[in-house]
PDB file of N, CA and C in Angstrom:
ATOM      1  N   MET A   1       8.712  -6.741 -15.602  1.00  0.00           N
ATOM      2  CA  MET A   1       8.846  -6.041 -14.345  1.00  0.00           C
ATOM      3  C   MET A   1       7.453  -5.642 -13.841  1.00  0.00           C
ATOM      4  N   PRO A   2       7.093  -6.043 -12.624  1.00  0.00           N
ATOM      5  CA  PRO A   2       5.763  -5.712 -12.104  1.00  0.00           C
ATOM      6  C   PRO A   2       5.648  -4.215 -11.769  1.00  0.00           C
ATOM      7  N   PHE A   3       4.415  -3.757 -11.734  1.00  0.00           N
ATOM      8  CA  PHE A   3       4.171  -2.342 -11.441  1.00  0.00           C
ATOM      9  C   PHE A   3       4.587  -1.994 -10.015  1.00  0.00           C
ATOM     10  N   ILE A   4       4.282  -2.882  -9.063  1.00  0.00           N
ATOM     11  CA  ILE A   4       4.663  -2.692  -7.668  1.00  0.00           C
ATOM     12  C   ILE A   4       5.720  -3.733  -7.325  1.00  0.00           C
ATOM     13  N   ARG A   5       6.896  -3.283  -7.003  1.00  0.00           N
ATOM     14  CA  ARG A   5       8.005  -4.184  -6.689  1.00  0.00           C
ATOM     15  C   ARG A   5       7.894  -4.651  -5.244  1.00  0.00           C
ATOM     16  N   ARG A   6       8.137  -5.950  -5.011  1.00  0.00           N
ATOM     17  CA  ARG A   6       7.978  -6.521  -3.674  1.00  0.00           C
ATOM     18  C   ARG A   6       9.294  -6.987  -3.054  1.00  0.00           C
ATOM     19  N   GLN A   7      10.356  -7.152  -3.845  1.00  0.00           N
ATOM     20  CA  GLN A   7      11.650  -7.612  -3.345  1.00  0.00           C
ATOM     21  C   GLN A   7      12.665  -6.470  -3.427  1.00  0.00           C
ATOM     22  N   TRP A   8      13.341  -6.203  -2.306  1.00  0.00           N
ATOM     23  CA  TRP A   8      14.279  -5.095  -2.256  1.00  0.00           C
ATOM     24  C   TRP A   8      15.551  -5.507  -1.517  1.00  0.00           C
ATOM     25  N   THR A   9      16.673  -4.954  -1.955  1.00  0.00           N
ATOM     26  CA  THR A   9      17.867  -4.975  -1.123  1.00  0.00           C
ATOM     27  C   THR A   9      17.841  -3.684  -0.315  1.00  0.00           C
ATOM     28  N   SER A  10      18.621  -3.627   0.748  1.00  0.00           N
ATOM     29  CA  SER A  10      18.551  -2.419   1.576  1.00  0.00           C
ATOM     30  C   SER A  10      19.084  -1.203   0.821  1.00  0.00           C
ATOM     31  N   ARG A  11      20.037  -1.402  -0.062  1.00  0.00           N
ATOM     32  CA  ARG A  11      20.578  -0.284  -0.847  1.00  0.00           C
ATOM     33  C   ARG A  11      19.546   0.226  -1.855  1.00  0.00           C
ATOM     34  N   GLU A  12      18.845  -0.681  -2.533  1.00  0.00           N
ATOM     35  CA  GLU A  12      17.817  -0.281  -3.497  1.00  0.00           C
ATOM     36  C   GLU A  12      16.646   0.401  -2.799  1.00  0.00           C
ATOM     37  N   ALA A  13      16.290  -0.096  -1.619  1.00  0.00           N
ATOM     38  CA  ALA A  13      15.140   0.446  -0.904  1.00  0.00           C
ATOM     39  C   ALA A  13      15.400   1.838  -0.354  1.00  0.00           C
ATOM     40  N   ASP A  14      16.662   2.208  -0.242  1.00  0.00           N
ATOM     41  CA  ASP A  14      17.008   3.521   0.304  1.00  0.00           C
ATOM     42  C   ASP A  14      16.836   4.633  -0.728  1.00  0.00           C
ATOM     43  N   GLU A  15      16.601   4.280  -1.987  1.00  0.00           N
ATOM     44  CA  GLU A  15      16.413   5.268  -3.042  1.00  0.00           C
ATOM     45  C   GLU A  15      14.922   5.547  -3.266  1.00  0.00           C
ATOM     46  N   TRP A  16      14.627   6.725  -3.805  1.00  0.00           N
ATOM     47  CA  TRP A  16      13.251   7.124  -4.083  1.00  0.00           C
ATOM     48  C   TRP A  16      12.764   6.397  -5.337  1.00  0.00           C
ATOM     49  N   THR A  17      11.603   5.740  -5.241  1.00  0.00           N
ATOM     50  CA  THR A  17      11.084   4.960  -6.363  1.00  0.00           C
ATOM     51  C   THR A  17       9.606   5.249  -6.576  1.00  0.00           C
ATOM     52  N   ARG A  18       9.040   4.543  -7.541  1.00  0.00           N
ATOM     53  CA  ARG A  18       7.621   4.673  -7.871  1.00  0.00           C
ATOM     54  C   ARG A  18       6.749   4.363  -6.650  1.00  0.00           C
ATOM     55  N   GLU A  19       7.136   3.361  -5.874  1.00  0.00           N
ATOM     56  CA  GLU A  19       6.349   2.974  -4.696  1.00  0.00           C
ATOM     57  C   GLU A  19       6.263   4.113  -3.686  1.00  0.00           C
ATOM     58  N   ASP A  20       7.361   4.846  -3.507  1.00  0.00           N
ATOM     59  CA  ASP A  20       7.341   6.000  -2.603  1.00  0.00           C
ATOM     60  C   ASP A  20       6.399   7.082  -3.113  1.00  0.00           C
ATOM     61  N   THR A  21       6.429   7.309  -4.412  1.00  0.00           N
ATOM     62  CA  THR A  21       5.574   8.327  -5.010  1.00  0.00           C
ATOM     63  C   THR A  21       4.095   7.965  -4.833  1.00  0.00           C
ATOM     64  N   ILE A  22       3.762   6.713  -5.073  1.00  0.00           N
ATOM     65  CA  ILE A  22       2.380   6.265  -4.891  1.00  0.00           C
ATOM     66  C   ILE A  22       1.943   6.462  -3.447  1.00  0.00           C
ATOM     67  N   THR A  23       2.820   6.101  -2.522  1.00  0.00           N
ATOM     68  CA  THR A  23       2.495   6.235  -1.104  1.00  0.00           C
ATOM     69  C   THR A  23       2.308   7.693  -0.707  1.00  0.00           C
ATOM     70  N   VAL A  24       3.171   8.566  -1.216  1.00  0.00           N
ATOM     71  CA  VAL A  24       3.057   9.995  -0.905  1.00  0.00           C
ATOM     72  C   VAL A  24       1.765  10.577  -1.465  1.00  0.00           C
ATOM     73  N   ILE A  25       1.332  10.090  -2.599  1.00  0.00           N
ATOM     74  CA  ILE A  25       0.103  10.608  -3.203  1.00  0.00           C
ATOM     75  C   ILE A  25      -1.134  10.132  -2.453  1.00  0.00           C
ATOM     76  N   ILE A  26      -1.173   8.837  -2.079  1.00  0.00           N
ATOM     77  CA  ILE A  26      -2.407   8.343  -1.469  1.00  0.00           C
ATOM     78  C   ILE A  26      -2.480   8.557   0.046  1.00  0.00           C
ATOM     79  N   SER A  27      -1.351   8.827   0.708  1.00  0.00           N
ATOM     80  CA  SER A  27      -1.420   8.982   2.165  1.00  0.00           C
ATOM     81  C   SER A  27      -2.263  10.183   2.613  1.00  0.00           C
ATOM     82  N   PRO A  28      -2.153  11.378   1.995  1.00  0.00           N
ATOM     83  CA  PRO A  28      -3.050  12.453   2.425  1.00  0.00           C
ATOM     84  C   PRO A  28      -4.512  12.151   2.102  1.00  0.00           C
ATOM     85  N   LEU A  29      -4.742  11.467   0.985  1.00  0.00           N
ATOM     86  CA  LEU A  29      -6.101  11.071   0.629  1.00  0.00           C
ATOM     87  C   LEU A  29      -6.676  10.130   1.687  1.00  0.00           C
ATOM     88  N   ILE A  30      -5.860   9.198   2.146  1.00  0.00           N
ATOM     89  CA  ILE A  30      -6.293   8.270   3.196  1.00  0.00           C
ATOM     90  C   ILE A  30      -6.644   9.040   4.459  1.00  0.00           C
ATOM     91  N   TYR A  31      -5.783   9.973   4.836  1.00  0.00           N
ATOM     92  CA  TYR A  31      -6.026  10.766   6.043  1.00  0.00           C
ATOM     93  C   TYR A  31      -7.362  11.506   5.956  1.00  0.00           C
ATOM     94  N   VAL A  32      -7.609  12.139   4.839  1.00  0.00           N
ATOM     95  CA  VAL A  32      -8.860  12.894   4.664  1.00  0.00           C
ATOM     96  C   VAL A  32     -10.065  11.954   4.677  1.00  0.00           C
ATOM     97  N   LEU A  33      -9.964  10.822   3.970  1.00  0.00           N
ATOM     98  CA  LEU A  33     -11.084   9.871   3.938  1.00  0.00           C
ATOM     99  C   LEU A  33     -11.384   9.316   5.326  1.00  0.00           C
ATOM    100  N   LEU A  34     -10.349   8.990   6.076  1.00  0.00           N
ATOM    101  CA  LEU A  34     -10.576   8.475   7.434  1.00  0.00           C
ATOM    102  C   LEU A  34     -11.198   9.532   8.334  1.00  0.00           C
ATOM    103  N   MET A  35     -10.736  10.760   8.202  1.00  0.00           N
ATOM    104  CA  MET A  35     -11.261  11.839   9.035  1.00  0.00           C
ATOM    105  C   MET A  35     -12.729  12.127   8.705  1.00  0.00           C
ATOM    106  N   ILE A  36     -13.028  12.296   7.440  1.00  0.00           N
ATOM    107  CA  ILE A  36     -14.403  12.601   7.026  1.00  0.00           C
ATOM    108  C   ILE A  36     -15.304  11.396   7.261  1.00  0.00           C
ATOM    109  N   GLY A  37     -14.809  10.196   6.928  1.00  0.00           N
ATOM    110  CA  GLY A  37     -15.605   8.988   7.125  1.00  0.00           C
ATOM    111  C   GLY A  37     -15.948   8.752   8.586  1.00  0.00           C
ATOM    112  N   THR A  38     -14.993   8.996   9.476  1.00  0.00           N
ATOM    113  CA  THR A  38     -15.264   8.836  10.905  1.00  0.00           C
ATOM    114  C   THR A  38     -16.313   9.838  11.375  1.00  0.00           C
ATOM    115  N   ALA A  39     -16.172  11.092  10.970  1.00  0.00           N
ATOM    116  CA  ALA A  39     -17.129  12.128  11.383  1.00  0.00           C
ATOM    117  C   ALA A  39     -18.532  11.819  10.876  1.00  0.00           C
ATOM    118  N   LEU A  40     -18.645  11.458   9.617  1.00  0.00           N
ATOM    119  CA  LEU A  40     -19.966  11.176   9.062  1.00  0.00           C
ATOM    120  C   LEU A  40     -20.553   9.880   9.637  1.00  0.00           C
ATOM    121  N   SER A  41     -19.706   8.914   9.929  1.00  0.00           N
ATOM    122  CA  SER A  41     -20.187   7.667  10.542  1.00  0.00           C
ATOM    123  C   SER A  41     -20.728   7.918  11.941  1.00  0.00           C
ATOM    124  N   MET A  42     -20.067   8.806  12.672  1.00  0.00           N
ATOM    125  CA  MET A  42     -20.551   9.140  14.024  1.00  0.00           C
ATOM    126  C   MET A  42     -21.894   9.864  13.969  1.00  0.00           C
ATOM    127  N   LEU A  43     -22.146  10.525  12.859  1.00  0.00           N
ATOM    128  CA  LEU A  43     -23.440  11.183  12.688  1.00  0.00           C
ATOM    129  C   LEU A  43     -24.504  10.221  12.162  1.00  0.00           C
ATOM    130  N   GLY A  44     -24.096   8.988  11.893  1.00  0.00           N
ATOM    131  CA  GLY A  44     -25.030   7.953  11.463  1.00  0.00           C
ATOM    132  C   GLY A  44     -25.377   7.984   9.988  1.00  0.00           C
ATOM    133  N   MET A  45     -24.588   8.658   9.195  1.00  0.00           N
ATOM    134  CA  MET A  45     -24.859   8.724   7.765  1.00  0.00           C
ATOM    135  C   MET A  45     -24.233   7.517   7.069  1.00  0.00           C
ATOM    136  N   TRP A  46     -24.993   6.856   6.217  1.00  0.00           N
ATOM    137  CA  TRP A  46     -24.526   5.609   5.608  1.00  0.00           C
ATOM    138  C   TRP A  46     -23.307   5.815   4.723  1.00  0.00           C
ATOM    139  N   TYR A  47     -23.252   6.946   4.025  1.00  0.00           N
ATOM    140  CA  TYR A  47     -22.107   7.186   3.146  1.00  0.00           C
ATOM    141  C   TYR A  47     -20.837   7.487   3.941  1.00  0.00           C
ATOM    142  N   GLY A  48     -20.977   7.831   5.197  1.00  0.00           N
ATOM    143  CA  GLY A  48     -19.810   7.977   6.063  1.00  0.00           C
ATOM    144  C   GLY A  48     -19.103   6.645   6.249  1.00  0.00           C
ATOM    145  N   PHE A  49     -19.882   5.575   6.390  1.00  0.00           N
ATOM    146  CA  PHE A  49     -19.307   4.245   6.519  1.00  0.00           C
ATOM    147  C   PHE A  49     -18.617   3.816   5.224  1.00  0.00           C
ATOM    148  N   VAL A  50     -19.175   4.205   4.095  1.00  0.00           N
ATOM    149  CA  VAL A  50     -18.565   3.887   2.802  1.00  0.00           C
ATOM    150  C   VAL A  50     -17.238   4.626   2.653  1.00  0.00           C
ATOM    151  N   ILE A  51     -17.224   5.893   3.014  1.00  0.00           N
ATOM    152  CA  ILE A  51     -15.994   6.688   2.932  1.00  0.00           C
ATOM    153  C   ILE A  51     -14.946   6.128   3.895  1.00  0.00           C
ATOM    154  N   LEU A  52     -15.369   5.781   5.096  1.00  0.00           N
ATOM    155  CA  LEU A  52     -14.457   5.202   6.079  1.00  0.00           C
ATOM    156  C   LEU A  52     -13.876   3.876   5.587  1.00  0.00           C
ATOM    157  N   ALA A  53     -14.722   3.027   5.023  1.00  0.00           N
ATOM    158  CA  ALA A  53     -14.253   1.747   4.491  1.00  0.00           C
ATOM    159  C   ALA A  53     -13.284   1.956   3.334  1.00  0.00           C
ATOM    160  N   THR A  54     -13.547   2.942   2.493  1.00  0.00           N
ATOM    161  CA  THR A  54     -12.642   3.255   1.389  1.00  0.00           C
ATOM    162  C   THR A  54     -11.281   3.699   1.920  1.00  0.00           C
ATOM    163  N   GLY A  55     -11.285   4.525   2.947  1.00  0.00           N
ATOM    164  CA  GLY A  55     -10.035   4.966   3.563  1.00  0.00           C
ATOM    165  C   GLY A  55      -9.256   3.805   4.164  1.00  0.00           C
ATOM    166  N   ILE A  56      -9.961   2.878   4.803  1.00  0.00           N
ATOM    167  CA  ILE A  56      -9.298   1.712   5.399  1.00  0.00           C
ATOM    168  C   ILE A  56      -8.700   0.824   4.316  1.00  0.00           C
ATOM    169  N   VAL A  57      -9.441   0.604   3.238  1.00  0.00           N
ATOM    170  CA  VAL A  57      -8.931  -0.227   2.141  1.00  0.00           C
ATOM    171  C   VAL A  57      -7.698   0.425   1.510  1.00  0.00           C
ATOM    172  N   LEU A  58      -7.739   1.724   1.285  1.00  0.00           N
ATOM    173  CA  LEU A  58      -6.578   2.422   0.725  1.00  0.00           C
ATOM    174  C   LEU A  58      -5.381   2.362   1.673  1.00  0.00           C
ATOM    175  N   MET A  59      -5.643   2.426   2.977  1.00  0.00           N
ATOM    176  CA  MET A  59      -4.560   2.324   3.943  1.00  0.00           C
ATOM    177  C   MET A  59      -3.904   0.945   3.879  1.00  0.00           C
ATOM    178  N   LEU A  60      -4.713  -0.098   3.749  1.00  0.00           N
ATOM    179  CA  LEU A  60      -4.169  -1.446   3.627  1.00  0.00           C
ATOM    180  C   LEU A  60      -3.364  -1.600   2.332  1.00  0.00           C
ATOM    181  N   VAL A  61      -3.833  -0.981   1.258  1.00  0.00           N
ATOM    182  CA  VAL A  61      -3.093  -1.006  -0.009  1.00  0.00           C
ATOM    183  C   VAL A  61      -1.755  -0.286   0.153  1.00  0.00           C
ATOM    184  N   MET A  62      -1.761   0.851   0.826  1.00  0.00           N
ATOM    185  CA  MET A  62      -0.535   1.602   1.042  1.00  0.00           C
ATOM    186  C   MET A  62       0.462   0.779   1.865  1.00  0.00           C
ATOM    187  N   ILE A  63      -0.019   0.122   2.897  1.00  0.00           N
ATOM    188  CA  ILE A  63       0.855  -0.726   3.713  1.00  0.00           C
ATOM    189  C   ILE A  63       1.405  -1.870   2.877  1.00  0.00           C
ATOM    190  N   TRP A  64       0.581  -2.472   2.036  1.00  0.00           N
ATOM    191  CA  TRP A  64       1.023  -3.565   1.173  1.00  0.00           C
ATOM    192  C   TRP A  64       2.110  -3.094   0.206  1.00  0.00           C
ATOM    193  N   ILE A  65       1.995  -1.854  -0.262  1.00  0.00           N
ATOM    194  CA  ILE A  65       2.966  -1.313  -1.215  1.00  0.00           C
ATOM    195  C   ILE A  65       4.300  -1.003  -0.529  1.00  0.00           C
ATOM    196  N   ILE A  66       4.271  -0.339   0.605  1.00  0.00           N
ATOM    197  CA  ILE A  66       5.494   0.223   1.171  1.00  0.00           C
ATOM    198  C   ILE A  66       6.168  -0.684   2.202  1.00  0.00           C
ATOM    199  N   ASN A  67       5.461  -1.653   2.776  1.00  0.00           N
ATOM    200  CA  ASN A  67       6.031  -2.473   3.836  1.00  0.00           C
ATOM    201  C   ASN A  67       7.267  -3.266   3.420  1.00  0.00           C
ATOM    202  N   PRO A  68       7.328  -3.910   2.250  1.00  0.00           N
ATOM    203  CA  PRO A  68       8.560  -4.633   1.889  1.00  0.00           C
ATOM    204  C   PRO A  68       9.785  -3.712   1.816  1.00  0.00           C
ATOM    205  N   LYS A  69       9.565  -2.515   1.343  1.00  0.00           N
ATOM    206  CA  LYS A  69      10.661  -1.554   1.240  1.00  0.00           C
ATOM    207  C   LYS A  69      11.126  -1.111   2.626  1.00  0.00           C
ATOM    208  N   LEU A  70      10.193  -0.815   3.493  1.00  0.00           N
ATOM    209  CA  LEU A  70      10.543  -0.410   4.853  1.00  0.00           C
ATOM    210  C   LEU A  70      11.236  -1.534   5.612  1.00  0.00           C
ATOM    211  N   SER A  71      10.801  -2.755   5.394  1.00  0.00           N
ATOM    212  CA  SER A  71      11.414  -3.904   6.071  1.00  0.00           C
ATOM    213  C   SER A  71      12.865  -4.090   5.644  1.00  0.00           C
ATOM    214  N   SER A  72      13.146  -3.950   4.367  1.00  0.00           N
ATOM    215  CA  SER A  72      14.522  -4.137   3.912  1.00  0.00           C
ATOM    216  C   SER A  72      15.422  -2.990   4.380  1.00  0.00           C
ATOM    217  N   VAL A  73      14.909  -1.770   4.437  1.00  0.00           N
ATOM    218  CA  VAL A  73      15.695  -0.659   4.972  1.00  0.00           C
ATOM    219  C   VAL A  73      15.989  -0.908   6.447  1.00  0.00           C
ATOM    220  N   SER A  74      14.996  -1.383   7.172  1.00  0.00           N
ATOM    221  CA  SER A  74      15.167  -1.668   8.591  1.00  0.00           C
ATOM    222  C   SER A  74      16.216  -2.756   8.819  1.00  0.00           C
ATOM    223  N   GLU A  75      16.195  -3.787   7.996  1.00  0.00           N
ATOM    224  CA  GLU A  75      17.201  -4.849   8.112  1.00  0.00           C
ATOM    225  C   GLU A  75      18.599  -4.306   7.863  1.00  0.00           C
ATOM    226  N   GLY A  76      18.725  -3.424   6.896  1.00  0.00           N
ATOM    227  CA  GLY A  76      20.027  -2.811   6.614  1.00  0.00           C
ATOM    228  C   GLY A  76      20.544  -2.010   7.789  1.00  0.00           C
ATOM    229  N   TYR A  77      19.671  -1.227   8.428  1.00  0.00           N
ATOM    230  CA  TYR A  77      20.087  -0.449   9.590  1.00  0.00           C
ATOM    231  C   TYR A  77      20.409  -1.350  10.780  1.00  0.00           C
ATOM    232  N   GLU A  78      19.685  -2.458  10.934  1.00  0.00           N
ATOM    233  CA  GLU A  78      19.991  -3.389  12.018  1.00  0.00           C
ATOM    234  C   GLU A  78      21.374  -4.000  11.831  1.00  0.00           C
ATOM    235  N   LYS A  79      21.741  -4.335  10.604  1.00  0.00           N
ATOM    236  CA  LYS A  79      23.073  -4.879  10.333  1.00  0.00           C
ATOM    237  C   LYS A  79      24.151  -3.839  10.640  1.00  0.00           C
ATOM    238  N   LYS A  80      23.919  -2.589  10.233  1.00  0.00           N
ATOM    239  CA  LYS A  80      24.881  -1.531  10.534  1.00  0.00           C
ATOM    240  C   LYS A  80      25.015  -1.336  12.036  1.00  0.00           C
ATOM    241  N   GLN A  81      23.887  -1.347  12.746  1.00  0.00           N
ATOM    242  CA  GLN A  81      23.910  -1.153  14.188  1.00  0.00           C
ATOM    243  C   GLN A  81      24.674  -2.285  14.864  1.00  0.00           C
ATOM    244  N   LYS A  82      24.468  -3.498  14.408  1.00  0.00           N
ATOM    245  CA  LYS A  82      25.186  -4.641  14.975  1.00  0.00           C
ATOM    246  C   LYS A  82      26.690  -4.469  14.768  1.00  0.00           C
ATOM    247  N   GLY A  83      27.078  -4.016  13.588  1.00  0.00           N
ATOM    248  CA  GLY A  83      28.492  -3.759  13.320  1.00  0.00           C
ATOM    249  C   GLY A  83      29.059  -2.675  14.219  1.00  0.00           C
ATOM    250  N   TYR A  84      28.305  -1.600  14.432  1.00  0.00           N
ATOM    251  CA  TYR A  84      28.756  -0.527  15.303  1.00  0.00           C
ATOM    252  C   TYR A  84      28.910  -1.008  16.745  1.00  0.00           C
ATOM    253  N   ILE A  85      27.976  -1.817  17.200  1.00  0.00           N
ATOM    254  CA  ILE A  85      28.043  -2.330  18.571  1.00  0.00           C
ATOM    255  C   ILE A  85      29.250  -3.245  18.744  1.00  0.00           C
ATOM    256  N   GLU A  86      29.492  -4.107  17.752  1.00  0.00           N
ATOM    257  CA  GLU A  86      30.666  -4.979  17.824  1.00  0.00           C
ATOM    258  C   GLU A  86      31.953  -4.164  17.822  1.00  0.00           C
ATOM    259  N   GLU A  87      32.012  -3.131  17.013  1.00  0.00           N
ATOM    260  CA  GLU A  87      33.185  -2.246  16.985  1.00  0.00           C
ATOM    261  C   GLU A  87      33.372  -1.553  18.332  1.00  0.00           C
ATOM    262  N   LEU A  88      32.293  -1.095  18.924  1.00  0.00           N
ATOM    263  CA  LEU A  88      32.356  -0.437  20.220  1.00  0.00           C
ATOM    264  C   LEU A  88      32.834  -1.402  21.293  1.00  0.00           C
ATOM    265  N   GLU A  89      32.321  -2.620  21.276  1.00  0.00           N
ATOM    266  CA  GLU A  89      32.749  -3.612  22.256  1.00  0.00           C
ATOM    267  C   GLU A  89      34.234  -3.931  22.105  1.00  0.00           C
ATOM    268  N   ARG A  90      34.724  -4.032  20.872  1.00  0.00           N
ATOM    269  CA  ARG A  90      36.148  -4.286  20.651  1.00  0.00           C
ATOM    270  C   ARG A  90      37.003  -3.144  21.184  1.00  0.00           C
ATOM    271  N   SER A  91      36.561  -1.899  20.956  1.00  0.00           N
ATOM    272  CA  SER A  91      37.352  -0.762  21.437  1.00  0.00           C
ATOM    273  C   SER A  91      37.307  -0.651  22.952  1.00  0.00           C
ATOM    274  N   VAL A  92      36.197  -0.996  23.586  1.00  0.00           N
ATOM    275  CA  VAL A  92      36.099  -0.945  25.037  1.00  0.00           C
ATOM    276  C   VAL A  92      36.995  -2.023  25.664  1.00  0.00           C
ATOM    277  N   LYS A  93      37.006  -3.197  25.090  1.00  0.00           N
ATOM    278  CA  LYS A  93      37.852  -4.274  25.606  1.00  0.00           C
ATOM    279  C   LYS A  93      39.330  -3.929  25.436  1.00  0.00           C
ATOM    280  N   TRP A  94      39.664  -3.201  24.384  1.00  0.00           N
ATOM    281  CA  TRP A  94      41.052  -2.830  24.150  1.00  0.00           C
ATOM    282  C   TRP A  94      41.527  -1.847  25.220  1.00  0.00           C
ATOM    283  N   GLU A  95      40.622  -0.928  25.648  1.00  0.00           N
ATOM    284  CA  GLU A  95      41.001   0.065  26.655  1.00  0.00           C
ATOM    285  C   GLU A  95      41.204  -0.575  28.018  1.00  0.00           C
ATOM    286  N   GLU A  96      40.485  -1.645  28.313  1.00  0.00           N
ATOM    287  CA  GLU A  96      40.628  -2.283  29.625  1.00  0.00           C
ATOM    288  C   GLU A  96      41.894  -3.045  29.610  1.00  0.00           C
TER     289      GLU A  96
END
């Protein structure tokens, strides 16, 4: 079993997992790094660019970790929505 899971069903993705925990831990760190890195980069300090680049790389890692899970949850909700719309259309046609 890999450390970061990439394949999800919509039911599995709806539960809290290791990937969610990793994302919750690194997201505030990313926010702080981007904020400080941007400020220091605007002041022309070289380490500001390093901090900013680190924040961007961590953000890309976070997206790589959580995107498959979000995509499968989204697909599940789209299927439910399609079912609800079809049910609504059937009930509207019945009333006419």
